[in-house]
Amino acid sequence: MNYQAYLRTPHWRATRLRKLATAKHQCEFRRDGRGPRCQARLGLQVHHRHYRSIGRENDLDLELLCPDHHRERHGLNQVELAS
């Protein structure tokens, strides 16, 4: 099964809901891993920190991010997105 198909499975939907709940529906991004969390609560996306545990993710494998911080985790910034 490819990654996009996996994201449509009941298992992933349940995993995503669990992560939203444990992160209290707030972006988990912290600048340099320290300081206060981002306050965003809209458009949240569950980010895989790595892909080794697809299908058996635990909460440490995942990070709840707002769209801007999700793009940042993937190395994209606003300048690159505008091009």
PDB file of N, CA and C in Angstrom:
ATOM      1  N   MET A   1       0.849  -1.174   0.000  1.00  0.00           N
ATOM      2  CA  MET A   1       0.000   0.000   0.000  1.00  0.00           C
ATOM      3  C   MET A   1       0.895   1.237   0.000  1.00  0.00           C
ATOM      4  N   ASN A   2       0.571   2.199  -0.857  1.00  0.00           N
ATOM      5  CA  ASN A   2       1.385   3.414  -0.869  1.00  0.00           C
ATOM      6  C   ASN A   2       0.967   4.363   0.264  1.00  0.00           C
ATOM      7  N   TYR A   3       1.771   5.376   0.475  1.00  0.00           N
ATOM      8  CA  TYR A   3       1.573   6.303   1.593  1.00  0.00           C
ATOM      9  C   TYR A   3       0.229   7.016   1.500  1.00  0.00           C
ATOM     10  N   GLN A   4      -0.139   7.518   0.328  1.00  0.00           N
ATOM     11  CA  GLN A   4      -1.404   8.231   0.177  1.00  0.00           C
ATOM     12  C   GLN A   4      -2.590   7.311   0.486  1.00  0.00           C
ATOM     13  N   ALA A   5      -2.529   6.068   0.077  1.00  0.00           N
ATOM     14  CA  ALA A   5      -3.589   5.110   0.392  1.00  0.00           C
ATOM     15  C   ALA A   5      -3.637   4.863   1.897  1.00  0.00           C
ATOM     16  N   TYR A   6      -2.476   4.761   2.539  1.00  0.00           N
ATOM     17  CA  TYR A   6      -2.431   4.553   3.986  1.00  0.00           C
ATOM     18  C   TYR A   6      -3.137   5.682   4.733  1.00  0.00           C
ATOM     19  N   LEU A   7      -2.953   6.916   4.262  1.00  0.00           N
ATOM     20  CA  LEU A   7      -3.568   8.070   4.927  1.00  0.00           C
ATOM     21  C   LEU A   7      -5.096   8.047   4.851  1.00  0.00           C
ATOM     22  N   ARG A   8      -5.661   7.193   4.033  1.00  0.00           N
ATOM     23  CA  ARG A   8      -7.123   7.065   3.931  1.00  0.00           C
ATOM     24  C   ARG A   8      -7.670   5.889   4.739  1.00  0.00           C
ATOM     25  N   THR A   9      -6.811   5.164   5.431  1.00  0.00           N
ATOM     26  CA  THR A   9      -7.271   3.979   6.167  1.00  0.00           C
ATOM     27  C   THR A   9      -7.895   4.350   7.513  1.00  0.00           C
ATOM     28  N   PRO A  10      -8.783   3.499   8.015  1.00  0.00           N
ATOM     29  CA  PRO A  10      -9.347   3.711   9.355  1.00  0.00           C
ATOM     30  C   PRO A  10      -8.251   3.752  10.431  1.00  0.00           C
ATOM     31  N   HIS A  11      -7.209   2.929  10.253  1.00  0.00           N
ATOM     32  CA  HIS A  11      -6.113   2.932  11.230  1.00  0.00           C
ATOM     33  C   HIS A  11      -5.468   4.311  11.323  1.00  0.00           C
ATOM     34  N   TRP A  12      -5.157   4.920  10.163  1.00  0.00           N
ATOM     35  CA  TRP A  12      -4.525   6.248  10.191  1.00  0.00           C
ATOM     36  C   TRP A  12      -5.480   7.288  10.765  1.00  0.00           C
ATOM     37  N   ARG A  13      -6.750   7.211  10.396  1.00  0.00           N
ATOM     38  CA  ARG A  13      -7.715   8.181  10.937  1.00  0.00           C
ATOM     39  C   ARG A  13      -7.751   8.114  12.460  1.00  0.00           C
ATOM     40  N   ALA A  14      -7.733   6.914  13.014  1.00  0.00           N
ATOM     41  CA  ALA A  14      -7.734   6.756  14.480  1.00  0.00           C
ATOM     42  C   ALA A  14      -6.428   7.268  15.083  1.00  0.00           C
ATOM     43  N   THR A  15      -5.311   6.988  14.427  1.00  0.00           N
ATOM     44  CA  THR A  15      -4.012   7.462  14.900  1.00  0.00           C
ATOM     45  C   THR A  15      -3.977   8.985  14.900  1.00  0.00           C
ATOM     46  N   ARG A  16      -4.476   9.579  13.827  1.00  0.00           N
ATOM     47  CA  ARG A  16      -4.521  11.041  13.708  1.00  0.00           C
ATOM     48  C   ARG A  16      -5.383  11.655  14.817  1.00  0.00           C
ATOM     49  N   LEU A  17      -6.551  11.081  15.060  1.00  0.00           N
ATOM     50  CA  LEU A  17      -7.425  11.593  16.120  1.00  0.00           C
ATOM     51  C   LEU A  17      -6.760  11.474  17.493  1.00  0.00           C
ATOM     52  N   ARG A  18      -6.059  10.370  17.716  1.00  0.00           N
ATOM     53  CA  ARG A  18      -5.344  10.199  18.987  1.00  0.00           C
ATOM     54  C   ARG A  18      -4.298  11.296  19.157  1.00  0.00           C
ATOM     55  N   LYS A  19      -3.551  11.599  18.088  1.00  0.00           N
ATOM     56  CA  LYS A  19      -2.516  12.630  18.175  1.00  0.00           C
ATOM     57  C   LYS A  19      -3.126  14.003  18.406  1.00  0.00           C
ATOM     58  N   LEU A  20      -4.225  14.310  17.729  1.00  0.00           N
ATOM     59  CA  LEU A  20      -4.908  15.585  17.969  1.00  0.00           C
ATOM     60  C   LEU A  20      -5.291  15.722  19.444  1.00  0.00           C
ATOM     61  N   ALA A  21      -5.805  14.651  20.026  1.00  0.00           N
ATOM     62  CA  ALA A  21      -6.230  14.689  21.428  1.00  0.00           C
ATOM     63  C   ALA A  21      -5.036  14.839  22.371  1.00  0.00           C
ATOM     64  N   THR A  22      -3.971  14.060  22.144  1.00  0.00           N
ATOM     65  CA  THR A  22      -2.836  14.125  23.072  1.00  0.00           C
ATOM     66  C   THR A  22      -2.111  15.463  22.983  1.00  0.00           C
ATOM     67  N   ALA A  23      -2.166  16.109  21.810  1.00  0.00           N
ATOM     68  CA  ALA A  23      -1.531  17.426  21.650  1.00  0.00           C
ATOM     69  C   ALA A  23      -2.500  18.557  22.002  1.00  0.00           C
ATOM     70  N   LYS A  24      -3.676  18.192  22.465  1.00  0.00           N
ATOM     71  CA  LYS A  24      -4.690  19.164  22.869  1.00  0.00           C
ATOM     72  C   LYS A  24      -5.065  20.128  21.746  1.00  0.00           C
ATOM     73  N   HIS A  25      -5.071  19.608  20.521  1.00  0.00           N
ATOM     74  CA  HIS A  25      -5.501  20.366  19.334  1.00  0.00           C
ATOM     75  C   HIS A  25      -4.742  21.691  19.195  1.00  0.00           C
ATOM     76  N   GLN A  26      -3.430  21.639  19.432  1.00  0.00           N
ATOM     77  CA  GLN A  26      -2.574  22.827  19.304  1.00  0.00           C
ATOM     78  C   GLN A  26      -1.266  22.431  18.647  1.00  0.00           C
ATOM     79  N   CYS A  27      -0.785  23.287  17.753  1.00  0.00           N
ATOM     80  CA  CYS A  27       0.487  23.042  17.083  1.00  0.00           C
ATOM     81  C   CYS A  27       1.580  22.783  18.118  1.00  0.00           C
ATOM     82  N   GLU A  28       2.391  21.761  17.889  1.00  0.00           N
ATOM     83  CA  GLU A  28       3.451  21.392  18.839  1.00  0.00           C
ATOM     84  C   GLU A  28       4.804  22.025  18.516  1.00  0.00           C
ATOM     85  N   PHE A  29       4.866  22.860  17.489  1.00  0.00           N
ATOM     86  CA  PHE A  29       6.147  23.444  17.081  1.00  0.00           C
ATOM     87  C   PHE A  29       6.718  24.339  18.173  1.00  0.00           C
ATOM     88  N   ARG A  30       8.010  24.153  18.431  1.00  0.00           N
ATOM     89  CA  ARG A  30       8.775  25.024  19.342  1.00  0.00           C
ATOM     90  C   ARG A  30      10.063  25.394  18.630  1.00  0.00           C
ATOM     91  N   ARG A  31      10.374  26.649  18.578  1.00  0.00           N
ATOM     92  CA  ARG A  31      11.602  27.112  17.925  1.00  0.00           C
ATOM     93  C   ARG A  31      12.792  26.445  18.602  1.00  0.00           C
ATOM     94  N   ASP A  32      13.626  25.775  17.864  1.00  0.00           N
ATOM     95  CA  ASP A  32      14.808  25.067  18.373  1.00  0.00           C
ATOM     96  C   ASP A  32      14.457  24.047  19.454  1.00  0.00           C
ATOM     97  N   GLY A  33      13.203  23.569  19.455  1.00  0.00           N
ATOM     98  CA  GLY A  33      12.801  22.561  20.428  1.00  0.00           C
ATOM     99  C   GLY A  33      12.589  23.094  21.836  1.00  0.00           C
ATOM    100  N   ARG A  34      12.702  24.415  21.992  1.00  0.00           N
ATOM    101  CA  ARG A  34      12.542  25.033  23.315  1.00  0.00           C
ATOM    102  C   ARG A  34      11.505  26.148  23.227  1.00  0.00           C
ATOM    103  N   GLY A  35      11.185  26.699  24.357  1.00  0.00           N
ATOM    104  CA  GLY A  35      10.283  27.841  24.384  1.00  0.00           C
ATOM    105  C   GLY A  35       8.828  27.436  24.267  1.00  0.00           C
ATOM    106  N   PRO A  36       7.983  28.441  24.145  1.00  0.00           N
ATOM    107  CA  PRO A  36       6.544  28.172  24.091  1.00  0.00           C
ATOM    108  C   PRO A  36       6.130  27.529  22.770  1.00  0.00           C
ATOM    109  N   ARG A  37       5.065  26.771  22.847  1.00  0.00           N
ATOM    110  CA  ARG A  37       4.503  26.156  21.640  1.00  0.00           C
ATOM    111  C   ARG A  37       3.815  27.212  20.790  1.00  0.00           C
ATOM    112  N   CYS A  38       3.762  26.951  19.503  1.00  0.00           N
ATOM    113  CA  CYS A  38       2.952  27.751  18.585  1.00  0.00           C
ATOM    114  C   CYS A  38       1.503  27.695  19.087  1.00  0.00           C
ATOM    115  N   GLN A  39       0.782  28.782  18.961  1.00  0.00           N
ATOM    116  CA  GLN A  39      -0.592  28.836  19.476  1.00  0.00           C
ATOM    117  C   GLN A  39      -1.652  28.423  18.455  1.00  0.00           C
ATOM    118  N   ALA A  40      -1.241  28.090  17.233  1.00  0.00           N
ATOM    119  CA  ALA A  40      -2.206  27.762  16.173  1.00  0.00           C
ATOM    120  C   ALA A  40      -3.046  26.543  16.532  1.00  0.00           C
ATOM    121  N   ARG A  41      -4.331  26.621  16.177  1.00  0.00           N
ATOM    122  CA  ARG A  41      -5.258  25.530  16.434  1.00  0.00           C
ATOM    123  C   ARG A  41      -6.104  25.193  15.201  1.00  0.00           C
ATOM    124  N   LEU A  42      -5.861  25.879  14.090  1.00  0.00           N
ATOM    125  CA  LEU A  42      -6.646  25.652  12.875  1.00  0.00           C
ATOM    126  C   LEU A  42      -5.800  24.987  11.798  1.00  0.00           C
ATOM    127  N   GLY A  43      -6.429  24.126  11.009  1.00  0.00           N
ATOM    128  CA  GLY A  43      -5.747  23.495   9.885  1.00  0.00           C
ATOM    129  C   GLY A  43      -4.607  22.579  10.283  1.00  0.00           C
ATOM    130  N   LEU A  44      -4.667  22.019  11.478  1.00  0.00           N
ATOM    131  CA  LEU A  44      -3.564  21.207  11.993  1.00  0.00           C
ATOM    132  C   LEU A  44      -3.357  19.932  11.176  1.00  0.00           C
ATOM    133  N   GLN A  45      -2.095  19.567  11.029  1.00  0.00           N
ATOM    134  CA  GLN A  45      -1.700  18.400  10.243  1.00  0.00           C
ATOM    135  C   GLN A  45      -0.777  17.529  11.085  1.00  0.00           C
ATOM    136  N   VAL A  46      -0.944  16.228  10.974  1.00  0.00           N
ATOM    137  CA  VAL A  46      -0.075  15.307  11.703  1.00  0.00           C
ATOM    138  C   VAL A  46       1.128  14.986  10.817  1.00  0.00           C
ATOM    139  N   HIS A  47       2.302  15.326  11.304  1.00  0.00           N
ATOM    140  CA  HIS A  47       3.567  15.162  10.580  1.00  0.00           C
ATOM    141  C   HIS A  47       4.291  13.913  11.092  1.00  0.00           C
ATOM    142  N   HIS A  48       4.743  13.076  10.161  1.00  0.00           N
ATOM    143  CA  HIS A  48       5.585  11.932  10.526  1.00  0.00           C
ATOM    144  C   HIS A  48       7.016  12.423  10.688  1.00  0.00           C
ATOM    145  N   ARG A  49       7.592  12.242  11.859  1.00  0.00           N
ATOM    146  CA  ARG A  49       9.001  12.622  12.077  1.00  0.00           C
ATOM    147  C   ARG A  49       9.935  11.741  11.259  1.00  0.00           C
ATOM    148  N   HIS A  50       9.496  10.518  10.969  1.00  0.00           N
ATOM    149  CA  HIS A  50      10.221   9.580  10.111  1.00  0.00           C
ATOM    150  C   HIS A  50       9.184   8.605   9.569  1.00  0.00           C
ATOM    151  N   TYR A  51       9.603   7.781   8.628  1.00  0.00           N
ATOM    152  CA  TYR A  51       8.662   6.866   7.984  1.00  0.00           C
ATOM    153  C   TYR A  51       8.947   5.393   8.299  1.00  0.00           C
ATOM    154  N   ARG A  52       9.773   5.129   9.278  1.00  0.00           N
ATOM    155  CA  ARG A  52      10.125   3.747   9.630  1.00  0.00           C
ATOM    156  C   ARG A  52       8.981   3.001  10.309  1.00  0.00           C
ATOM    157  N   SER A  53       8.062   3.719  10.913  1.00  0.00           N
ATOM    158  CA  SER A  53       7.012   3.057  11.703  1.00  0.00           C
ATOM    159  C   SER A  53       5.616   3.221  11.097  1.00  0.00           C
ATOM    160  N   ILE A  54       5.547   3.464   9.802  1.00  0.00           N
ATOM    161  CA  ILE A  54       4.240   3.622   9.150  1.00  0.00           C
ATOM    162  C   ILE A  54       3.374   2.401   9.456  1.00  0.00           C
ATOM    163  N   GLY A  55       2.172   2.683   9.927  1.00  0.00           N
ATOM    164  CA  GLY A  55       1.238   1.613  10.265  1.00  0.00           C
ATOM    165  C   GLY A  55       1.323   1.172  11.710  1.00  0.00           C
ATOM    166  N   ARG A  56       2.356   1.590  12.405  1.00  0.00           N
ATOM    167  CA  ARG A  56       2.499   1.259  13.827  1.00  0.00           C
ATOM    168  C   ARG A  56       3.104   2.443  14.602  1.00  0.00           C
ATOM    169  N   GLU A  57       2.718   3.650  14.200  1.00  0.00           N
ATOM    170  CA  GLU A  57       3.234   4.874  14.815  1.00  0.00           C
ATOM    171  C   GLU A  57       2.864   4.972  16.292  1.00  0.00           C
ATOM    172  N   ASN A  58       3.781   5.523  17.068  1.00  0.00           N
ATOM    173  CA  ASN A  58       3.429   5.921  18.425  1.00  0.00           C
ATOM    174  C   ASN A  58       3.481   7.449  18.459  1.00  0.00           C
ATOM    175  N   ASP A  59       3.070   8.042  19.550  1.00  0.00           N
ATOM    176  CA  ASP A  59       2.979   9.504  19.602  1.00  0.00           C
ATOM    177  C   ASP A  59       4.322  10.198  19.404  1.00  0.00           C
ATOM    178  N   LEU A  60       5.418   9.556  19.761  1.00  0.00           N
ATOM    179  CA  LEU A  60       6.730  10.175  19.571  1.00  0.00           C
ATOM    180  C   LEU A  60       7.158  10.192  18.106  1.00  0.00           C
ATOM    181  N   ASP A  61       6.533   9.373  17.284  1.00  0.00           N
ATOM    182  CA  ASP A  61       6.831   9.341  15.850  1.00  0.00           C
ATOM    183  C   ASP A  61       6.128  10.471  15.103  1.00  0.00           C
ATOM    184  N   LEU A  62       5.179  11.116  15.762  1.00  0.00           N
ATOM    185  CA  LEU A  62       4.311  12.096  15.117  1.00  0.00           C
ATOM    186  C   LEU A  62       4.409  13.449  15.790  1.00  0.00           C
ATOM    187  N   GLU A  63       4.109  14.486  15.025  1.00  0.00           N
ATOM    188  CA  GLU A  63       4.102  15.852  15.553  1.00  0.00           C
ATOM    189  C   GLU A  63       2.911  16.578  14.943  1.00  0.00           C
ATOM    190  N   LEU A  64       2.110  17.228  15.763  1.00  0.00           N
ATOM    191  CA  LEU A  64       0.965  17.984  15.281  1.00  0.00           C
ATOM    192  C   LEU A  64       1.429  19.397  14.948  1.00  0.00           C
ATOM    193  N   LEU A  65       1.225  19.813  13.698  1.00  0.00           N
ATOM    194  CA  LEU A  65       1.748  21.095  13.232  1.00  0.00           C
ATOM    195  C   LEU A  65       0.687  21.886  12.473  1.00  0.00           C
ATOM    196  N   CYS A  66       0.787  23.209  12.575  1.00  0.00           N
ATOM    197  CA  CYS A  66      -0.018  24.083  11.732  1.00  0.00           C
ATOM    198  C   CYS A  66       0.583  24.031  10.320  1.00  0.00           C
ATOM    199  N   PRO A  67      -0.146  24.466   9.308  1.00  0.00           N
ATOM    200  CA  PRO A  67       0.385  24.385   7.945  1.00  0.00           C
ATOM    201  C   PRO A  67       1.742  25.077   7.748  1.00  0.00           C
ATOM    202  N   ASP A  68       1.935  26.255   8.338  1.00  0.00           N
ATOM    203  CA  ASP A  68       3.219  26.959   8.177  1.00  0.00           C
ATOM    204  C   ASP A  68       4.379  26.167   8.766  1.00  0.00           C
ATOM    205  N   HIS A  69       4.200  25.633   9.957  1.00  0.00           N
ATOM    206  CA  HIS A  69       5.283  24.876  10.585  1.00  0.00           C
ATOM    207  C   HIS A  69       5.473  23.509   9.935  1.00  0.00           C
ATOM    208  N   HIS A  70       4.417  22.938   9.373  1.00  0.00           N
ATOM    209  CA  HIS A  70       4.565  21.681   8.640  1.00  0.00           C
ATOM    210  C   HIS A  70       5.443  21.915   7.404  1.00  0.00           C
ATOM    211  N   ARG A  71       5.186  23.005   6.683  1.00  0.00           N
ATOM    212  CA  ARG A  71       6.038  23.327   5.528  1.00  0.00           C
ATOM    213  C   ARG A  71       7.479  23.548   5.979  1.00  0.00           C
ATOM    214  N   GLU A  72       7.659  24.220   7.102  1.00  0.00           N
ATOM    215  CA  GLU A  72       9.011  24.465   7.617  1.00  0.00           C
ATOM    216  C   GLU A  72       9.723  23.154   7.943  1.00  0.00           C
ATOM    217  N   ARG A  73       9.013  22.202   8.531  1.00  0.00           N
ATOM    218  CA  ARG A  73       9.614  20.899   8.853  1.00  0.00           C
ATOM    219  C   ARG A  73      10.084  20.173   7.595  1.00  0.00           C
ATOM    220  N   HIS A  74       9.408  20.455   6.476  1.00  0.00           N
ATOM    221  CA  HIS A  74       9.794  19.836   5.213  1.00  0.00           C
ATOM    222  C   HIS A  74      10.799  20.688   4.448  1.00  0.00           C
ATOM    223  N   GLY A  75      11.297  21.745   5.090  1.00  0.00           N
ATOM    224  CA  GLY A  75      12.333  22.561   4.479  1.00  0.00           C
ATOM    225  C   GLY A  75      11.825  23.587   3.492  1.00  0.00           C
ATOM    226  N   LEU A  76      10.549  23.861   3.511  1.00  0.00           N
ATOM    227  CA  LEU A  76       9.984  24.881   2.631  1.00  0.00           C
ATOM    228  C   LEU A  76       9.751  26.147   3.413  1.00  0.00           C
ATOM    229  N   ASN A  77       9.905  27.278   2.770  1.00  0.00           N
ATOM    230  CA  ASN A  77       9.570  28.543   3.425  1.00  0.00           C
ATOM    231  C   ASN A  77       8.675  29.348   2.497  1.00  0.00           C
ATOM    232  N   GLN A  78       8.195  30.468   2.952  1.00  0.00           N
ATOM    233  CA  GLN A  78       7.253  31.258   2.186  1.00  0.00           C
ATOM    234  C   GLN A  78       7.830  31.718   0.846  1.00  0.00           C
ATOM    235  N   VAL A  79       9.111  32.062   0.800  1.00  0.00           N
ATOM    236  CA  VAL A  79       9.733  32.506  -0.442  1.00  0.00           C
ATOM    237  C   VAL A  79       9.699  31.390  -1.473  1.00  0.00           C
ATOM    238  N   GLU A  80      10.075  30.172  -1.068  1.00  0.00           N
ATOM    239  CA  GLU A  80      10.081  29.043  -1.987  1.00  0.00           C
ATOM    240  C   GLU A  80       8.669  28.705  -2.448  1.00  0.00           C
ATOM    241  N   LEU A  81       7.682  28.851  -1.569  1.00  0.00           N
ATOM    242  CA  LEU A  81       6.318  28.519  -1.919  1.00  0.00           C
ATOM    243  C   LEU A  81       5.750  29.522  -2.917  1.00  0.00           C
ATOM    244  N   ALA A  82       6.192  30.776  -2.847  1.00  0.00           N
ATOM    245  CA  ALA A  82       5.684  31.814  -3.740  1.00  0.00           C
ATOM    246  C   ALA A  82       6.256  31.690  -5.139  1.00  0.00           C
ATOM    247  N   SER A  83       7.382  31.025  -5.295  1.00  0.00           N
ATOM    248  CA  SER A  83       8.040  30.910  -6.606  1.00  0.00           C
ATOM    249  C   SER A  83       7.279  30.011  -7.549  1.00  0.00           C
TER     250      SER A  83
END
